[in-house]
Protein backbone atom coordinates (compact mmCIF):
# COMPACT_ATOMS: atom_id res chain seq x y z
CA MET A 1 0.00 0.00 0.00
CA SER A 2 1.48 3.37 -1.02
CA ASP A 3 2.25 6.18 1.49
CA ARG A 4 -0.39 8.79 0.68
CA TYR A 5 1.48 11.51 2.63
CA GLY A 6 4.94 11.05 1.09
CA GLY A 7 8.22 11.24 3.06
CA ASP A 8 8.81 12.78 6.46
CA VAL A 9 8.81 16.55 5.98
CA LEU A 10 10.97 16.98 9.09
CA SER A 11 13.72 14.69 7.87
CA GLY A 12 17.00 16.38 6.91
CA ASP A 13 18.04 20.00 7.68
CA TRP A 14 14.61 21.54 7.20
CA ARG A 15 15.79 24.86 8.69
CA ALA A 16 18.46 25.49 6.03
CA PRO A 17 17.78 28.49 3.68
CA LYS A 18 16.79 27.52 0.18
CA ARG A 19 19.97 29.11 -1.24
CA GLY A 20 22.15 27.31 1.27
CA ARG A 21 23.96 28.53 4.34
CA ALA A 22 26.33 31.50 4.07
CA VAL A 23 30.04 30.77 3.87
CA GLU A 24 32.99 33.13 4.23
CA ALA A 25 34.40 34.62 1.03
CA PRO A 26 37.10 37.25 0.46
CA ALA A 27 35.86 40.65 -0.74
CA GLU A 28 37.99 40.67 -3.87
CA LEU A 29 38.13 43.86 -5.91
CA GLY A 30 36.17 43.45 -9.12
CA ALA A 31 33.71 40.87 -7.77
CA VAL A 32 30.00 41.68 -8.27
CA VAL A 33 27.81 41.10 -5.21
CA GLU A 34 24.30 41.95 -3.98
CA GLU A 35 23.53 43.42 -0.57
CA VAL A 36 20.33 41.60 0.38
CA THR A 37 18.67 44.17 2.65
CA THR A 38 18.80 46.92 0.02
CA ASP A 39 18.99 44.82 -3.19
CA TRP A 40 22.02 46.95 -4.14
CA VAL A 41 24.09 45.18 -6.78
CA GLY A 42 27.55 46.44 -7.59
CA GLU A 43 31.20 45.77 -8.17
CA ILE A 44 33.54 45.81 -5.17
CA VAL A 45 35.75 48.83 -5.80
CA ALA A 46 37.28 49.37 -2.34
CA VAL A 47 37.81 47.50 0.92
CA ASP A 48 38.81 49.34 4.11
CA ARG A 49 40.33 47.01 6.68
CA ASP A 50 40.44 49.62 9.42
CA LEU A 51 36.79 50.64 9.05
CA HIS A 52 35.72 47.06 8.23
CA THR A 53 33.75 48.24 5.19
CA LEU A 54 33.53 47.70 1.45
CA THR A 55 32.31 50.00 -1.32
CA LEU A 56 30.10 48.83 -4.18
CA GLU A 57 29.67 50.65 -7.50
CA ASP A 58 26.56 49.92 -9.55
CA ARG A 59 26.15 50.04 -13.32
CA ARG A 60 25.28 53.75 -13.14
CA SER A 61 28.62 54.46 -11.38
CA ARG A 62 26.84 55.21 -8.09
CA ARG A 63 28.63 54.05 -4.97
CA ARG A 64 27.53 52.87 -1.53
CA THR A 65 29.49 51.62 1.43
CA PHE A 66 28.44 48.62 3.54
CA PRO A 67 29.92 46.81 6.55
CA LEU A 68 31.87 43.67 5.82
CA GLY A 69 30.21 40.49 7.05
CA PRO A 70 27.00 38.62 6.26
CA GLY A 71 24.13 39.81 4.11
CA PHE A 72 25.60 39.47 0.62
CA LEU A 73 24.98 37.23 -2.37
CA LEU A 74 27.87 36.20 -4.61
CA GLU A 75 26.79 34.42 -7.81
CA GLY A 76 23.41 33.89 -6.16
CA ARG A 77 24.81 32.21 -3.05
CA PRO A 78 24.85 33.79 0.44
CA VAL A 79 28.33 34.76 1.63
CA ILE A 80 29.98 36.41 4.60
CA LEU A 81 32.41 38.86 3.05
CA VAL A 82 35.74 39.31 4.80
CA ALA A 83 38.79 41.41 3.94
CA PRO A 84 41.10 39.60 1.51
CA ALA A 85 44.23 38.05 2.93
CA ARG A 86 47.19 40.39 2.90
CA LYS A 87 49.61 39.71 0.11
CA GLY A 88 53.25 39.04 0.80
CA ALA A 89 55.89 41.72 0.58
CA PRO A 90 56.35 42.99 -2.98
CA ALA A 91 59.37 41.77 -4.84
CA ALA A 92 62.37 44.04 -4.69
CA PRO A 93 62.45 46.38 -7.71
CA THR A 94 64.89 45.48 -10.43
CA ARG A 95 65.24 49.09 -11.61
CA THR A 96 65.65 52.39 -9.84
CA ALA A 97 63.36 55.34 -10.54
CA SER A 98 65.95 56.58 -13.06
CA GLY A 99 65.86 53.28 -14.96
CA SER A 100 69.24 52.05 -13.73
CA VAL A 101 69.73 48.47 -12.55
CA ALA A 102 68.81 48.33 -8.86
CA VAL A 103 71.35 47.02 -6.33
CA PRO A 104 69.25 45.69 -3.40
CA GLY A 105 70.87 46.21 -0.01
CA ALA A 106 73.67 48.38 -1.36
CA LYS A 107 75.05 50.86 1.15
CA ALA A 108 75.61 54.49 0.31
CA ARG A 109 79.14 55.28 -0.75
CA VAL A 110 81.16 57.81 1.22
CA ALA A 111 80.50 61.18 -0.39
CA ARG A 112 82.89 62.26 -3.11
CA GLN A 113 84.47 65.68 -3.06
CA SER A 114 82.76 66.46 -6.36
CA ARG A 115 79.29 67.99 -6.24
CA ILE A 116 76.22 68.71 -8.33
CA PHE A 117 74.72 72.17 -7.91
CA VAL A 118 71.12 72.95 -8.85
CA GLU A 119 69.37 76.29 -8.72
CA GLY A 120 66.66 75.71 -6.14
CA ARG A 121 65.03 73.42 -3.63
CA HIS A 122 62.49 72.09 -6.11
CA ASP A 123 65.25 71.10 -8.53
CA ALA A 124 67.07 69.26 -5.73
CA GLU A 125 63.92 67.42 -4.62
CA LEU A 126 63.12 66.31 -8.16
CA VAL A 127 66.67 65.05 -8.76
CA GLU A 128 66.58 63.22 -5.42
CA LYS A 129 63.26 61.52 -6.19
CA VAL A 130 64.35 60.15 -9.56
CA TRP A 131 68.12 59.75 -9.21
CA GLY A 132 68.49 59.44 -5.43
CA ASP A 133 69.37 55.72 -5.41
CA ASP A 134 72.02 56.21 -8.11
CA LEU A 135 73.55 59.23 -6.37
CA ARG A 136 73.88 57.39 -3.05
CA ILE A 137 75.63 54.46 -4.69
CA GLU A 138 77.96 56.85 -6.51
CA GLY A 139 78.53 59.04 -3.44
CA VAL A 140 77.34 62.25 -5.09
CA VAL A 141 75.86 65.09 -3.05
CA VAL A 142 73.39 67.53 -4.63
CA GLU A 143 73.28 71.10 -3.28
CA PHE A 144 70.94 73.92 -4.23
CA LEU A 145 72.18 77.45 -4.74
CA GLY A 146 69.09 79.60 -4.40
CA GLY A 147 69.63 80.96 -7.92
CA VAL A 148 72.39 81.02 -10.52
CA ASP A 149 73.37 84.69 -10.11
CA ASP A 150 75.91 83.91 -7.37
CA LEU A 151 77.32 80.77 -8.98
CA ALA A 152 80.76 82.31 -9.52
CA ASP A 153 81.03 83.18 -5.82
CA HIS A 154 80.01 79.64 -4.85
CA LEU A 155 82.74 78.24 -7.09
CA VAL A 156 85.34 80.51 -5.52
CA ASP A 157 84.41 79.10 -2.11
CA PHE A 158 84.27 75.52 -3.38
CA ARG A 159 87.59 75.66 -5.30
CA PRO A 160 86.97 73.12 -8.09
CA GLY A 161 89.86 70.93 -9.20
CA PRO A 162 90.64 67.56 -10.79
CA GLN A 163 89.22 65.68 -7.77
CA ARG A 164 86.63 68.35 -6.94
CA ARG A 165 84.53 68.57 -10.06
CA VAL A 166 81.31 70.54 -10.14
CA GLY A 167 78.30 69.84 -12.30
CA VAL A 168 75.68 72.59 -12.47
CA LEU A 169 72.08 72.24 -13.65
CA VAL A 170 70.60 75.56 -14.76
CA ASP A 171 67.00 76.47 -15.58
CA HIS A 172 66.19 78.21 -18.88
CA LEU A 173 69.66 77.83 -20.35
CA VAL A 174 68.90 79.17 -23.83
CA PRO A 175 71.00 81.37 -26.18
CA GLY A 176 71.07 85.03 -25.19
CA SER A 177 69.70 84.47 -21.70
CA LYS A 178 71.31 85.73 -18.49
CA GLU A 179 71.98 82.11 -17.55
CA SER A 180 73.89 81.44 -20.77
CA ARG A 181 76.12 84.50 -20.22
CA ILE A 182 76.99 83.34 -16.71
CA ALA A 183 77.79 79.85 -17.99
CA GLN A 184 80.03 81.20 -20.76
CA GLY A 185 81.94 83.39 -18.31
CA ILE A 186 82.65 80.47 -15.98
CA ALA A 187 83.66 78.22 -18.86
CA ARG A 188 86.36 80.77 -19.82
CA SER A 189 87.64 81.10 -16.24
CA ALA A 190 90.58 79.30 -14.63
CA VAL A 191 88.32 76.63 -13.13
CA GLY A 192 86.25 76.18 -16.27
CA LYS A 193 87.69 72.78 -17.19
CA HIS A 194 86.60 71.38 -13.82
CA VAL A 195 83.06 72.72 -14.07
CA LEU A 196 80.32 71.48 -16.39
CA ILE A 197 77.24 73.70 -16.70
CA VAL A 198 74.26 72.21 -18.51
CA GLY A 199 70.67 73.30 -18.61
CA HIS A 200 67.20 72.66 -19.86
CA PRO A 201 65.00 75.05 -21.86
CA PHE A 202 62.20 75.25 -19.29
CA ILE A 203 61.42 78.44 -17.40
CA ASP A 204 61.27 76.40 -14.22
CA VAL A 205 61.88 72.76 -13.34
CA TRP A 206 58.12 72.33 -12.84
CA GLN A 207 57.84 72.25 -16.63
CA ALA A 208 60.16 69.25 -16.77
CA VAL A 209 57.25 67.16 -15.44
CA LYS A 210 55.17 65.95 -18.36
CA PRO A 211 51.94 68.00 -18.33
CA ASP A 212 49.68 65.02 -18.95
CA ARG A 213 50.72 63.64 -15.55
CA LEU A 214 48.70 66.54 -14.14
CA GLY A 215 45.84 66.17 -16.59
CA LEU A 216 47.09 69.05 -18.76
CA ALA A 217 47.54 69.18 -22.50
CA ALA A 218 50.42 71.64 -21.98
CA TRP A 219 51.84 73.90 -19.31
CA PRO A 220 50.08 77.28 -19.41
CA THR A 221 51.76 80.31 -20.97
CA ILE A 222 52.32 82.97 -18.32
CA PRO A 223 52.95 86.67 -19.17
CA ARG A 224 56.48 87.86 -18.39
CA SER A 225 55.04 90.45 -16.00
CA VAL A 226 53.69 87.70 -13.71
CA GLU A 227 55.83 85.54 -11.43
CA TRP A 228 55.78 82.23 -13.27
CA LYS A 229 54.91 79.81 -10.46
CA LYS A 230 52.17 82.02 -9.07
CA GLY A 231 50.84 82.52 -12.58
CA VAL A 232 50.69 78.77 -13.14
CA CYS A 233 48.85 78.22 -9.86
CA GLN A 234 46.40 81.01 -10.67
CA HIS A 235 45.78 79.63 -14.16
CA LEU A 236 45.09 76.15 -12.75
CA GLY A 237 42.86 77.45 -9.98
CA TRP A 238 45.27 76.52 -7.20
CA PRO A 239 45.92 78.69 -4.12
CA HIS A 240 48.84 81.06 -4.81
CA ARG A 241 48.72 83.71 -2.09
CA ASP A 242 52.08 83.00 -0.45
CA GLN A 243 55.12 80.74 -0.49
CA ALA A 244 53.29 78.08 1.51
CA ASP A 245 50.76 77.79 -1.33
CA ILE A 246 53.58 77.46 -3.87
CA ALA A 247 55.19 74.77 -1.72
CA ARG A 248 51.91 72.82 -1.60
CA ALA A 249 51.54 73.14 -5.37
CA TRP A 250 55.03 71.73 -5.87
CA LYS A 251 54.30 68.88 -3.47
CA HIS A 252 51.27 68.00 -5.59
CA ILE A 253 53.33 68.12 -8.80
CA LEU A 254 56.18 66.08 -7.33
CA GLY A 255 53.66 63.50 -6.16
CA LYS A 256 52.86 62.79 -9.81
CA VAL A 257 56.46 61.78 -10.49
CA ALA A 258 57.31 58.13 -9.91
CA SER A 259 60.16 57.60 -12.37
CA TYR A 260 62.12 59.05 -15.26
CA ASP A 261 59.16 58.25 -17.52
CA ASP A 262 57.24 61.14 -15.94
CA LEU A 263 59.90 63.69 -16.96
CA GLU A 264 60.74 65.38 -20.24
CA PRO A 265 63.79 64.02 -22.13
CA ALA A 266 65.31 67.51 -22.17
CA LEU A 267 65.95 67.16 -18.42
CA LEU A 268 66.82 63.46 -18.30
CA GLY A 269 69.87 63.70 -20.54
CA ARG A 270 71.26 66.73 -18.73
CA VAL A 271 71.15 65.12 -15.28
CA GLU A 272 72.74 61.92 -16.57
CA GLU A 273 75.48 64.02 -18.17
CA LEU A 274 76.23 65.73 -14.85
CA ILE A 275 76.37 62.45 -12.94
CA ASP A 276 78.84 61.05 -15.48
CA PHE A 277 80.99 64.19 -15.24
CA VAL A 278 81.34 64.23 -11.46
CA THR A 279 81.89 60.47 -11.09
CA VAL A 280 84.83 60.17 -13.50
CA ASP A 281 87.85 59.04 -11.47
């Protein structure tokens, strides 16, 4: 005789949700999940370990932030989202920011007597960011002058010689400029053979940073009657009231530089030329 009521409805795990029980899953960037209480569906675009949250972006590019944990569907299955496991330490770079072969663990060489002079603090900071590793291995110190007008006096104090070479990087070194006349005078002097003065065509070293790194098609043209850096900041809508504003603007620009690829070739070759000159034994 057949069982008219079928099997035992209480047999098995009758309390289990129809989609199955939630399991832990890493909140991987790029995964598409649904938050069940709001029906919000989006791609995981950010995970904050400290705040224990994740951010979802829907197909209309709208974003919402939710707590990590239960309450999500991944491919239709309930999951408890957790922060992804931390990745191991990144591999040591094989190249320096200047493109040279990296030497992991190399100690800085004792400073040579030879020096590289640059015009200002911003020049020195840019050279340090891109060529710093190379300069430490070669034992080369970079000093800034505060302008090229007093270069001759600095050289008198420094006393260049065969073992005390000086390389100088000058802004706006173009024919007929004040900078070119200073360079020619030093080249003809008694210490000229121990001093190499090279320059780039830019009004300021800021222009040596490729403009597209800042979202610009080109650096703005500033009238000669306006201080160039302040004019640039004003043109771009940046604060430019005092030197602190200029310093913040430069910090923003320098932050866009990660390697030699972010700089114009007209600067790259000149710095490499100076390093070669002062490291010749």
